[in-house]
Structure formats: structure tokens, C-alpha cells
Protein backbone atom coordinates (compact mmCIF):
# COMPACT_ATOMS: atom_id res chain seq x y z
CA MET A 1 266.65 180.00 214.16
CA THR A 2 265.33 178.01 211.23
CA GLY A 3 262.34 176.60 213.12
CA LYS A 4 263.47 173.11 212.12
CA VAL A 5 264.06 170.23 214.53
CA ALA A 6 266.44 167.27 214.35
CA ILE A 7 266.55 164.17 216.54
CA ILE A 8 270.05 162.69 216.88
CA THR A 9 270.57 159.39 218.68
CA ALA A 10 273.82 158.72 220.57
CA GLY A 11 274.23 162.48 220.51
CA THR A 12 276.60 163.04 223.43
CA HIS A 13 279.92 161.73 222.13
CA GLY A 14 281.91 161.18 218.96
CA VAL A 15 280.10 161.74 215.68
CA GLY A 16 276.79 162.23 217.48
CA ALA A 17 278.06 165.16 219.55
CA ARG A 18 279.55 166.78 216.47
CA LEU A 19 276.28 166.33 214.61
CA VAL A 20 274.43 168.04 217.44
CA ALA A 21 276.87 170.95 217.23
CA GLY A 22 276.60 171.06 213.43
CA TYR A 23 272.81 171.26 213.42
CA ARG A 24 272.78 173.84 216.21
CA GLU A 25 275.28 175.98 214.28
CA ARG A 26 272.83 175.92 211.40
CA GLY A 27 270.09 177.23 213.65
CA TRP A 28 268.21 173.98 214.17
CA ALA A 29 266.68 172.91 217.45
CA VAL A 30 267.97 169.47 218.43
CA VAL A 31 266.80 166.52 220.49
CA ALA A 32 269.87 164.53 221.53
CA THR A 33 269.53 161.10 223.09
CA ALA A 34 271.98 158.89 224.94
CA ARG A 35 271.85 156.20 227.59
CA THR A 36 273.01 158.70 230.20
CA VAL A 37 272.81 162.45 229.70
CA GLY A 38 272.08 165.45 231.87
CA PRO A 39 269.84 168.42 231.06
CA SER A 40 271.14 171.10 228.71
CA PRO A 41 271.12 174.82 229.54
CA ASP A 42 270.46 175.52 225.86
CA PRO A 43 266.68 175.99 225.44
CA ASP A 44 266.92 174.73 221.85
CA LEU A 45 268.73 171.52 222.83
CA LEU A 46 266.56 168.89 224.51
CA THR A 47 268.47 165.96 225.97
CA ILE A 48 266.70 162.67 226.64
CA ALA A 49 268.29 159.82 228.56
CA ALA A 50 267.15 156.76 226.64
CA ASP A 51 268.34 153.32 225.66
CA ILE A 52 267.48 152.83 221.99
CA ALA A 53 267.14 149.11 222.68
CA ASP A 54 264.15 149.75 224.98
CA PRO A 55 260.89 149.29 223.01
CA ALA A 56 259.30 152.21 224.90
CA THR A 57 262.08 154.58 223.87
CA ALA A 58 260.65 155.56 220.47
CA ASN A 59 257.42 156.97 221.90
CA ARG A 60 259.30 158.81 224.65
CA ILE A 61 261.74 160.47 222.22
CA ILE A 62 259.08 161.46 219.68
CA GLY A 63 256.74 162.63 222.42
CA GLY A 64 259.48 164.70 224.04
CA ALA A 65 260.41 166.32 220.73
CA LEU A 66 256.82 167.26 219.93
CA LYS A 67 256.11 168.56 223.42
CA ARG A 68 259.17 170.85 223.40
CA PHE A 69 259.37 171.90 219.74
CA GLY A 70 256.08 170.87 218.11
CA ARG A 71 257.58 169.21 215.03
CA ILE A 72 260.24 166.83 213.68
CA ASP A 73 262.09 167.56 210.45
CA THR A 74 265.03 165.15 210.57
CA LEU A 75 265.96 161.95 212.36
CA VAL A 76 269.63 160.97 212.45
CA ASN A 77 269.99 157.32 213.47
CA ASN A 78 273.48 157.31 214.93
CA ALA A 79 273.14 154.67 217.68
CA GLY A 80 274.18 151.09 217.09
CA VAL A 81 276.00 148.04 218.36
CA HIS A 82 279.15 146.71 216.75
CA LEU A 83 280.99 143.60 217.87
CA SER A 84 284.06 142.53 215.93
CA LYS A 85 284.55 138.80 216.45
CA ARG A 86 285.28 135.76 214.40
CA PHE A 87 282.04 134.30 213.10
CA THR A 88 282.28 131.17 215.26
CA ASP A 89 282.83 133.26 218.42
CA TYR A 90 279.53 135.14 218.33
CA THR A 91 277.12 134.22 221.10
CA PRO A 92 273.32 134.29 221.25
CA ALA A 93 273.67 137.34 223.53
CA ASP A 94 275.75 139.14 220.87
CA TYR A 95 273.13 138.42 218.22
CA ALA A 96 270.29 139.47 220.51
CA ALA A 97 272.02 142.78 221.37
CA ALA A 98 272.48 143.61 217.69
CA GLU A 99 268.92 142.59 216.86
CA VAL A 100 267.45 144.70 219.66
CA SER A 101 269.52 147.73 218.60
CA LEU A 102 268.32 147.37 215.02
CA ALA A 103 264.73 147.02 216.21
CA GLY A 104 265.08 150.18 218.32
CA SER A 105 266.13 152.22 215.29
CA PHE A 106 263.32 150.61 213.29
CA TRP A 107 260.61 151.69 215.74
CA LEU A 108 262.05 155.17 216.21
CA THR A 109 262.19 155.66 212.44
CA GLN A 110 258.61 154.42 212.11
CA ARG A 111 257.34 156.93 214.67
CA ALA A 112 259.37 159.78 213.19
CA VAL A 113 258.23 159.06 209.62
CA ALA A 114 254.60 158.87 210.73
CA GLU A 115 254.91 162.35 212.23
CA MET A 116 256.76 163.74 209.19
CA ALA A 117 254.05 162.39 206.89
CA THR A 118 251.42 164.53 208.63
CA ARG A 119 253.33 167.64 207.50
CA TYR A 120 254.37 166.31 204.09
CA GLY A 121 258.13 166.42 204.47
CA GLY A 122 261.13 165.25 206.43
CA HIS A 123 264.47 163.48 206.29
CA VAL A 124 265.91 160.32 207.82
CA VAL A 125 269.67 159.72 207.80
CA SER A 126 271.34 156.61 209.19
CA VAL A 127 275.04 156.60 210.07
CA LEU A 128 275.97 152.97 209.45
CA ALA A 129 278.46 150.91 211.44
CA THR A 130 282.01 152.05 210.77
CA MET A 131 283.40 148.55 210.29
CA ALA A 132 280.45 147.19 208.36
CA GLY A 133 281.90 147.58 204.90
CA PRO A 134 283.57 144.97 202.69
CA ALA A 135 284.94 141.88 204.39
CA ASP A 136 288.30 142.33 206.10
CA SER A 137 290.08 139.29 207.54
CA GLY A 138 291.84 141.57 210.03
CA ALA A 139 288.55 142.87 211.43
CA PRO A 140 285.88 140.18 211.16
CA ALA A 141 282.44 141.74 211.43
CA VAL A 142 279.80 139.52 209.89
CA LEU A 143 277.18 140.59 212.45
CA ALA A 144 277.74 144.29 211.72
CA ALA A 145 277.75 143.52 207.99
CA SER A 146 274.37 141.82 208.36
CA ILE A 147 272.97 144.86 210.13
CA ARG A 148 274.42 147.16 207.50
CA GLY A 149 272.80 145.11 204.75
CA SER A 150 269.43 145.46 206.45
CA GLN A 151 269.88 149.22 206.88
CA VAL A 152 270.97 149.73 203.27
CA ALA A 153 267.96 147.82 201.99
CA ALA A 154 265.63 149.68 204.35
CA THR A 155 267.05 153.04 203.28
CA ARG A 156 266.34 152.40 199.62
CA SER A 157 262.93 150.86 200.25
CA LEU A 158 261.76 153.70 202.50
CA ALA A 159 263.08 156.31 200.06
CA LEU A 160 260.85 154.87 197.34
CA GLU A 161 257.85 154.40 199.60
CA TYR A 162 257.86 157.88 201.11
CA ALA A 163 259.09 160.04 198.24
CA PRO A 164 255.46 160.85 197.31
CA LEU A 165 255.03 162.29 200.80
CA GLY A 166 258.11 164.49 200.57
CA ILE A 167 260.20 162.39 202.97
CA ARG A 168 263.80 161.66 202.05
CA VAL A 169 265.77 158.68 203.40
CA ASN A 170 269.56 158.41 203.10
CA ALA A 171 272.54 156.82 204.84
CA VAL A 172 276.21 157.52 205.42
CA LEU A 173 278.75 154.68 205.48
CA PRO A 174 282.00 155.76 207.17
CA GLN A 175 285.11 153.71 206.39
CA ALA A 176 287.96 156.22 206.57
CA GLY A 177 288.67 159.86 207.31
CA GLN A 178 287.90 162.14 210.23
CA MET A 179 284.68 162.43 212.21
CA SER A 180 284.23 165.83 210.57
CA ASP A 181 283.98 164.06 207.20
CA VAL A 182 281.02 162.03 208.46
CA VAL A 183 279.35 165.12 209.91
CA ASN A 184 279.88 167.01 206.65
CA ALA A 185 278.35 164.10 204.71
CA VAL A 186 275.22 164.17 206.87
CA LEU A 187 274.93 167.95 206.59
CA PHE A 188 275.45 167.71 202.81
CA LEU A 189 272.50 165.33 202.61
CA GLU A 190 270.49 167.68 204.81
CA SER A 191 271.04 170.56 202.41
CA SER A 192 270.33 168.49 199.26
CA PRO A 193 266.53 168.39 198.90
CA SER A 194 266.58 166.28 195.73
CA VAL A 195 268.83 163.52 197.12
CA THR A 196 267.12 160.42 198.51
CA GLY A 197 267.80 156.70 198.60
CA GLU A 198 271.56 157.30 198.60
CA ILE A 199 274.31 155.54 200.56
CA VAL A 200 277.09 158.12 200.85
CA ARG A 201 280.48 156.52 201.43
CA VAL A 202 283.15 158.29 203.44
CA ASP A 203 286.06 156.09 202.44
CA GLY A 204 288.77 158.12 200.76
CA GLY A 205 288.14 156.23 197.52
CA GLN A 206 289.19 152.91 199.06
CA ILE A 207 285.99 151.04 198.27
CA GLY A 208 284.23 150.38 194.99
CA PRO A 209 280.53 150.97 194.24
CA GLU A 210 277.86 149.38 196.39
CA PRO A 211 276.77 146.13 194.67
CA GLY A 212 273.23 146.04 193.32
């Protein structure tokens, strides 16, 4: 065991489940959250049933991690809402769901970073919405694109703000490839202590540089 601890949201299926496995294979203890999840027989895997959209969730996840493992080294924000609709078809409920999901990640990141700062070090990685890349008339996604823009800006801003405290902040933007490619990108960032403020694209070279 490394003694290190990662929190991974939406950690019971898809990329999240593979990230949990990847960190455990590296000897990390893991806190995996999902809306519905049962207890794990693995003493180094704490599962927490939690809806990231619930404002009380952040304190419950952070508190659970500290009670079981005593520290937090990495937060992987993997939970999110994506609705692909034509712009004029979005409803107030769609917008509210996306806004609440973004707020949930915001508060969880705030609590995690505050804890990391007490130990001078940590890492935050956000896995951005798969379809939130350049505009595609075949898959309209302006709401997801708006969320992605906020997350990209937040990643770069937090990286600058918290670099003096030894906290790195990065993001992965999947657009093509296998789930294993996304997992490998996150684990690459984890093992790269000098990399911060980066948006790592997993796109098979299909997309040009991020503007700005």
C-alpha cells in the first residue's frame, strides 16, 4: 500500500469503475461514490451512496474519507450530467440539472482542496463530458459545452491559485478511443508531479489545440 487515498465520483460503472480498479492496482485506498452502491468487502475501498447534486454530499464524502483513511491525496471528479438536445429544445429543468451537477462538483472540490492544503499537497482531476468538445451538428450539446468551458476555466484558475500549496489541478477531455485511454490519461497525470493546469485530450488527434 502507498498510504495514499483517492476519491472517485461515479465510481461504480464505466470509466469510474476502471479508475477505481486502476488506483487500487497501484496500491491506493479509494473512496468510490455513486447514487446507489453497496458496501465493499475490500477494507481499502470505501463506497458511499451519494448524489453529487445534493449540497450535503460534499461534507459526507470528505468526512467519510477522513474517518476511514485519515487523508485525501486525489479527487477525481467523474460525475456529471450530459443532455444532447437542440438548443431550442432545452428546458429549465435540463438547465437546472446541469447547474446543480456542476455546483456539486464545485463544493466537493472546495472541501477536498481545503483538506489537501492542510498537508501541503494533493491533486484534482476532472473527467470532462465526453461530447463537450467542438461543435458537432450531429450531436448538439451547447449545455455540455457550457459546463465544459466552466470546468476548463476553473481547472486553470485553481492550478495557478493552489500551486504554491503543492496542489495540482488537471482535466481530461475524452473525445475518442477506449475507456482504458481515459483511465491511462488520468493515471499519467497522477504520476506526473510537475504537470498542473493541463487539459489532456483523448481524441486520436481529431481535434486541434484548445483555444486561448
